[in-house]
Protein backbone atom coordinates (compact mmCIF):
# COMPACT_ATOMS: atom_id res chain seq x y z
CA MET A 1 40.24 49.89 92.24
CA LYS A 2 38.21 51.04 89.59
CA ILE A 3 37.14 54.40 90.04
CA LEU A 4 34.16 56.28 88.24
CA LEU A 5 35.02 59.97 88.45
CA VAL A 6 31.96 62.34 88.08
CA ASP A 7 32.91 66.05 87.27
CA ASP A 8 32.00 68.58 84.89
CA SER A 9 35.32 70.31 85.42
CA ARG A 10 37.68 68.92 82.83
CA ALA A 11 40.62 70.43 84.53
CA ILE A 12 39.71 69.41 88.04
CA ALA A 13 39.34 65.79 86.45
CA MET A 14 42.38 65.64 84.85
CA ILE A 15 43.88 66.56 88.22
CA THR A 16 42.34 64.40 90.17
CA THR A 17 42.95 61.31 87.85
CA ALA A 18 46.52 61.92 87.71
CA ARG A 19 46.52 62.04 91.55
CA LEU A 20 44.17 58.67 91.82
CA GLU A 21 46.38 57.08 89.25
CA SER A 22 49.58 57.98 91.04
CA PHE A 23 48.02 55.70 93.90
CA GLY A 24 47.72 52.69 91.47
CA HIS A 25 43.99 52.89 90.56
CA GLU A 26 42.26 52.80 87.29
CA VAL A 27 39.93 55.87 86.58
CA ARG A 28 37.09 56.39 84.34
CA HIS A 29 35.83 60.26 84.01
CA ALA A 30 31.86 60.98 83.19
CA ASN A 31 31.18 64.72 82.82
CA ASN A 32 27.99 64.87 83.60
CA GLY A 33 25.40 62.83 85.71
CA GLN A 34 23.54 60.95 82.73
CA ALA A 35 26.99 59.79 81.38
CA ALA A 36 27.79 58.56 84.71
CA ILE A 37 24.77 56.50 85.17
CA ASP A 38 25.11 55.16 81.72
CA MET A 39 28.63 54.23 82.42
CA PHE A 40 27.48 52.51 85.77
CA ARG A 41 24.69 50.61 84.17
CA ASN A 42 27.40 48.96 81.73
CA GLU A 43 30.64 48.57 83.77
CA SER A 44 31.39 47.40 87.11
CA PHE A 45 33.15 50.06 89.41
CA ASP A 46 34.75 49.85 93.13
CA LEU A 47 34.30 53.37 93.82
CA VAL A 48 32.26 56.30 92.69
CA LEU A 49 33.35 60.00 93.36
CA MET A 50 31.06 62.04 92.99
CA ASP A 51 30.71 66.09 92.20
CA ILE A 52 28.03 67.63 93.46
CA GLU A 53 27.30 70.73 91.46
CA MET A 54 26.90 70.33 87.89
CA PRO A 55 24.78 71.52 85.48
CA GLY A 56 21.57 69.94 84.62
CA MET A 57 21.21 66.67 86.94
CA ASN A 58 23.35 67.43 90.05
CA GLY A 59 25.26 64.69 92.22
CA PHE A 60 22.66 64.03 94.50
CA GLU A 61 19.85 63.30 92.01
CA THR A 62 22.86 61.13 89.95
CA THR A 63 23.30 59.24 93.37
CA THR A 64 19.96 58.57 93.74
CA ARG A 65 19.37 56.91 90.20
CA ILE A 66 22.48 55.17 90.46
CA ARG A 67 21.23 53.52 93.62
CA GLY A 68 18.06 52.73 91.84
CA LEU A 69 20.45 50.63 89.42
CA GLU A 70 22.02 48.24 92.11
CA GLY A 71 20.82 45.15 93.74
CA HIS A 72 19.96 44.43 97.18
CA GLU A 73 22.85 42.21 98.29
CA PRO A 74 25.62 43.76 100.08
CA TRP A 75 28.19 42.81 97.37
CA ALA A 76 25.87 44.93 94.78
CA TRP A 77 26.34 47.96 96.70
CA THR A 78 29.20 50.30 95.71
CA PRO A 79 30.55 53.00 97.89
CA ILE A 80 29.72 56.96 96.81
CA ILE A 81 32.32 59.44 97.80
CA PHE A 82 30.72 63.05 97.62
CA VAL A 83 33.64 65.45 96.33
CA THR A 84 32.51 69.27 96.80
CA ALA A 85 34.05 72.50 97.60
CA THR A 86 31.40 73.52 100.07
CA ASP A 87 31.46 70.84 102.87
CA SER A 88 28.75 72.42 104.53
CA ASP A 89 26.49 70.27 107.11
CA THR A 90 23.58 70.92 105.04
CA ASN A 91 25.24 69.21 101.97
CA LEU A 92 26.87 66.35 104.25
CA ILE A 93 23.04 65.51 105.41
CA THR A 94 21.63 65.62 101.68
CA ALA A 95 24.49 63.72 100.38
CA ILE A 96 23.71 60.66 102.72
CA GLU A 97 20.05 61.02 102.20
CA ALA A 98 20.71 60.79 98.28
CA GLY A 99 22.55 57.30 99.06
CA GLY A 100 26.29 58.48 99.34
CA ASP A 101 28.60 56.95 102.18
CA ASP A 102 31.30 59.57 102.83
CA PHE A 103 32.11 63.50 101.87
CA ILE A 104 35.56 65.00 100.96
CA SER A 105 36.39 68.29 100.08
CA LYS A 106 38.18 69.21 96.55
CA SER A 107 40.94 70.70 98.53
CA SER A 108 41.79 67.89 100.99
CA PRO A 109 45.41 67.24 101.11
CA GLU A 110 47.10 64.57 99.13
CA GLY A 111 47.68 62.32 102.51
CA VAL A 112 44.00 62.55 102.99
CA LEU A 113 42.80 61.56 99.79
CA GLN A 114 45.17 58.55 99.81
CA ALA A 115 43.70 57.68 103.01
CA LYS A 116 40.47 57.62 101.95
CA MET A 117 41.60 55.22 99.23
CA LYS A 118 43.35 52.91 101.23
CA ALA A 119 40.05 52.53 103.26
CA MET A 120 37.85 51.78 99.76
CA SER A 121 40.09 49.58 98.83
CA ARG A 122 39.59 47.50 101.75
CA ILE A 123 35.69 47.74 101.29
CA ALA A 124 36.33 46.64 97.67
CA ALA A 125 38.26 43.54 98.52
CA LEU A 126 35.37 42.57 100.69
CA ARG A 127 32.89 43.22 98.46
CA SER A 128 35.07 40.81 96.15
CA ARG A 129 34.95 38.22 98.70
CA LEU A 130 31.35 38.65 99.07
CA ALA A 131 30.35 38.15 95.51
CA GLN A 132 32.85 35.11 95.14
CA ALA A 133 30.93 33.72 98.46
CA ASN A 134 27.65 34.54 96.97
CA GLY A 135 28.61 32.94 93.39
CA LYS A 136 29.35 29.54 95.16
CA LEU A 137 26.10 29.80 97.55
CA GLN A 138 24.08 30.38 94.37
CA ASP A 139 25.61 27.66 92.53
CA GLN A 140 25.20 25.11 95.17
CA ALA A 141 21.30 26.32 95.50
CA ASN A 142 20.62 25.80 92.10
CA HIS A 143 22.27 22.62 91.41
CA ASP A 144 22.20 18.93 92.63
CA GLY A 145 25.23 18.08 94.92
CA LEU A 146 25.35 14.49 93.42
CA THR A 147 25.09 14.90 89.63
CA GLY A 148 26.12 18.67 89.06
CA LEU A 149 22.98 19.52 87.03
CA PHE A 150 20.48 21.86 87.90
CA ASN A 151 18.01 20.69 90.72
CA ARG A 152 14.47 20.73 90.46
CA ARG A 153 13.99 24.23 92.27
CA ALA A 154 16.50 25.73 89.62
CA MET A 155 14.43 24.04 86.70
CA ASP A 156 11.22 24.90 87.75
CA MET A 157 12.39 28.58 88.17
CA ARG A 158 14.01 28.76 84.62
CA ILE A 159 10.87 27.10 83.41
CA ASP A 160 8.74 29.69 84.38
CA THR A 161 10.42 32.41 82.48
CA LEU A 162 11.30 30.27 79.27
CA TRP A 163 7.57 29.33 79.07
CA GLU A 164 6.50 33.26 79.03
CA THR A 165 9.25 33.80 76.58
CA ALA A 166 7.69 30.79 74.03
CA VAL A 167 4.32 32.18 74.67
CA GLN A 168 5.22 35.92 73.50
CA LYS A 169 7.53 34.47 70.77
CA GLY A 170 5.01 32.08 69.54
CA LYS A 171 7.97 29.34 69.84
CA ALA A 172 6.93 25.53 70.59
CA PHE A 173 8.40 24.33 73.92
CA SER A 174 9.76 20.68 74.54
CA LEU A 175 10.33 18.72 77.78
CA LEU A 176 11.83 15.15 78.10
CA MET A 177 11.38 13.08 81.24
CA ILE A 178 13.87 10.39 81.52
CA ASP A 179 14.05 7.47 83.81
CA VAL A 180 16.54 5.28 84.75
CA ASP A 181 15.36 1.59 84.08
CA ASN A 182 14.84 -0.75 86.82
CA PHE A 183 17.28 1.60 89.36
CA LYS A 184 15.79 0.33 92.81
CA LYS A 185 16.91 -3.34 91.79
CA TYR A 186 20.51 -1.64 90.58
CA ASN A 187 20.81 -0.41 93.91
CA ASP A 188 19.76 -3.32 95.79
CA HIS A 189 22.23 -5.24 93.56
CA TYR A 190 25.33 -3.37 93.61
CA GLY A 191 24.71 -1.40 96.84
CA HIS A 192 24.03 3.01 96.92
CA GLN A 193 27.70 3.68 96.16
CA SER A 194 27.68 2.10 92.81
CA GLY A 195 23.96 3.72 92.17
CA ASP A 196 25.25 6.89 93.07
CA ASP A 197 28.11 6.42 90.37
CA CYS A 198 25.45 5.01 87.78
CA LEU A 199 23.42 8.45 88.34
CA ARG A 200 26.65 10.53 87.72
CA ALA A 201 27.41 8.72 84.83
CA VAL A 202 23.95 8.71 83.39
CA ALA A 203 23.65 12.39 84.12
CA ALA A 204 26.77 13.15 82.24
CA ALA A 205 25.65 11.25 79.27
CA ILE A 206 22.15 13.17 79.35
CA ASP A 207 23.88 16.62 79.91
CA GLY A 208 26.25 15.72 76.95
CA VAL A 209 23.51 15.33 74.76
CA ALA A 210 21.62 18.46 75.71
CA MET A 211 24.68 20.37 75.44
CA ARG A 212 25.81 19.06 71.86
CA ALA A 213 21.82 19.92 70.83
CA ASP A 214 22.25 23.45 72.21
CA ALA A 215 25.77 24.01 70.71
CA ASP A 216 25.09 22.60 67.22
CA ARG A 217 21.81 25.05 67.48
CA LEU A 218 20.05 21.68 66.55
CA ALA A 219 18.14 22.66 69.97
CA PRO A 220 18.79 26.05 71.31
CA GLY A 221 19.10 26.64 74.86
CA ALA A 222 18.40 23.08 75.71
CA PHE A 223 19.40 22.03 79.30
CA ALA A 224 19.44 19.26 81.47
CA ALA A 225 18.34 18.80 85.27
CA ARG A 226 17.65 16.12 87.77
CA TYR A 227 14.04 15.91 88.47
CA GLY A 228 14.59 13.76 91.57
CA GLY A 229 15.72 10.21 92.36
CA GLU A 230 16.59 8.56 89.17
CA GLU A 231 14.46 10.74 87.41
CA PHE A 232 16.04 13.50 84.76
CA SER A 233 14.72 16.24 82.74
CA VAL A 234 15.80 17.67 79.39
CA ILE A 235 14.16 21.21 78.66
CA ILE A 236 14.09 22.73 75.03
CA PRO A 237 12.89 26.15 75.35
CA GLU A 238 12.50 27.10 71.74
CA ALA A 239 12.06 23.63 70.13
CA PRO A 240 11.95 23.26 66.29
CA PRO A 241 9.34 20.76 65.49
CA GLY A 242 10.29 17.18 66.04
CA VAL A 243 13.83 17.81 67.61
CA HIS A 244 13.01 16.52 70.71
CA VAL A 245 12.42 12.87 69.12
CA GLY A 246 15.91 13.10 68.09
CA VAL A 247 17.31 14.30 71.34
CA GLY A 248 15.09 11.99 73.06
CA LEU A 249 16.87 8.81 70.99
CA SER A 250 20.11 10.27 71.61
CA ILE A 251 19.82 10.32 75.11
CA VAL A 252 18.72 6.67 75.00
CA GLU A 253 21.68 5.60 72.65
CA ALA A 254 24.17 7.53 74.86
CA VAL A 255 23.16 5.88 78.23
CA ALA A 256 23.16 2.43 76.43
CA ALA A 257 26.72 3.11 75.25
CA LEU A 258 28.09 3.81 78.61
CA ASN A 259 27.85 -0.18 78.85
CA LEU A 260 27.29 -0.03 82.72
CA PRO A 261 26.48 -3.87 83.46
CA HIS A 262 23.03 -4.03 85.14
CA GLU A 263 21.92 -7.83 85.65
CA ARG A 264 18.74 -7.27 87.00
CA ASN A 265 17.76 -4.95 83.92
CA GLU A 266 15.55 -7.76 82.06
CA SER A 267 16.34 -8.31 78.32
CA TRP A 268 19.20 -5.55 78.22
CA GLY A 269 21.76 -6.44 80.92
CA ARG A 270 23.07 -2.96 81.19
CA VAL A 271 22.00 0.25 82.24
CA THR A 272 19.42 1.92 79.94
CA VAL A 273 17.07 4.79 80.22
CA SER A 274 13.18 5.45 79.13
CA VAL A 275 12.14 8.77 77.87
CA GLY A 276 8.86 10.64 77.22
CA ALA A 277 9.37 13.32 75.01
CA VAL A 278 6.94 16.02 74.40
CA CYS A 279 6.48 18.94 72.21
CA VAL A 280 3.78 21.37 72.71
CA SER A 281 2.45 24.89 71.58
CA PRO A 282 2.30 27.02 74.93
CA ALA A 283 -0.27 29.16 73.50
CA SER A 284 -2.63 26.16 73.63
CA SER A 285 -1.16 24.70 76.92
CA MET A 286 0.03 24.80 80.40
CA VAL A 287 3.08 24.07 82.05
CA LYS A 288 1.53 21.63 84.29
CA ASP A 289 -0.27 19.74 80.93
CA VAL A 290 3.11 19.44 79.28
CA PHE A 291 4.64 17.54 82.47
CA ARG A 292 1.60 15.33 82.54
CA GLN A 293 1.86 14.30 78.65
CA ALA A 294 5.74 13.80 79.25
CA ASP A 295 5.09 11.65 82.05
CA GLU A 296 2.51 9.68 80.34
CA LEU A 297 4.81 9.10 77.36
CA LEU A 298 7.56 7.87 79.98
CA TYR A 299 5.42 5.38 81.50
CA LYS A 300 4.28 4.04 78.00
CA ALA A 301 8.10 3.68 76.86
CA LYS A 302 8.36 1.34 79.99
CA GLY A 303 5.50 -0.57 79.26
CA SER A 304 6.64 -1.01 75.83
CA GLY A 305 9.89 -2.62 77.16
CA ARG A 306 12.24 0.35 78.31
CA ASN A 307 15.38 1.53 76.79
CA ARG A 308 13.39 3.57 74.22
CA CYS A 309 11.78 6.83 73.45
CA GLU A 310 8.06 7.71 73.37
CA SER A 311 7.15 11.10 71.62
CA ASN A 312 3.97 12.71 70.62
């Protein structure tokens, strides 16, 4: 385990650290409450051993503040054991009310301390498994199961935050709406399994363009999402002027370059996409207006023959 030891006595801290390290644990030492809070804010720990009597901020107050830094999920909770020379009932009650989980005397025998650490190690392992499981659940909740792109829910949540940031910074905001041309005809002709394969390939092409634009700093923060069905979106939260046009054209070219046969896509004979790309100033617009404008441009692209990008 990685343990945060909070004790103002350097001598006691050295002895305790040596004991804990002999059990195979990693120990970081904070010699006062504020130092402990700062370390806890910047690092992850499996356990906190908290001295009660310290000058300035005592262990109870330090624990209360540390608990305020944690999230509400079970895997965000870190066990805190109070270590003190006076294990009175009053101290025990106060410790638990402050957010502590256990209580141990500084004079406890070696075997007792080691047993406590074994129990905490089991809890640390459980927290790790919970965190991994939560990460997988969050990933599943935020990504489309077919294409792996952000889903509509995750896109909407990110846009809300990114829009506010763009307003605060006075930056332009770009949205691209993308639709696979004549996709219903593709499904009817080639079958739904081929339709799924087609959507995955198109999604990868769109995502590749967005990722390259982000990596090259051409369109910082650009990301792709599946809007629904055969519709996709690309968001550029801090869009330099005109960049949305280039990204839109690159998406059209990238999908066409896949050379996926589509006999029912008149004039083209392969899978293509139409794109509506809009760039606005958030200070003078609303999010819903951006989607409306992008949709209008998308339908203009379709009405003009498809396999093209229309932009403002």
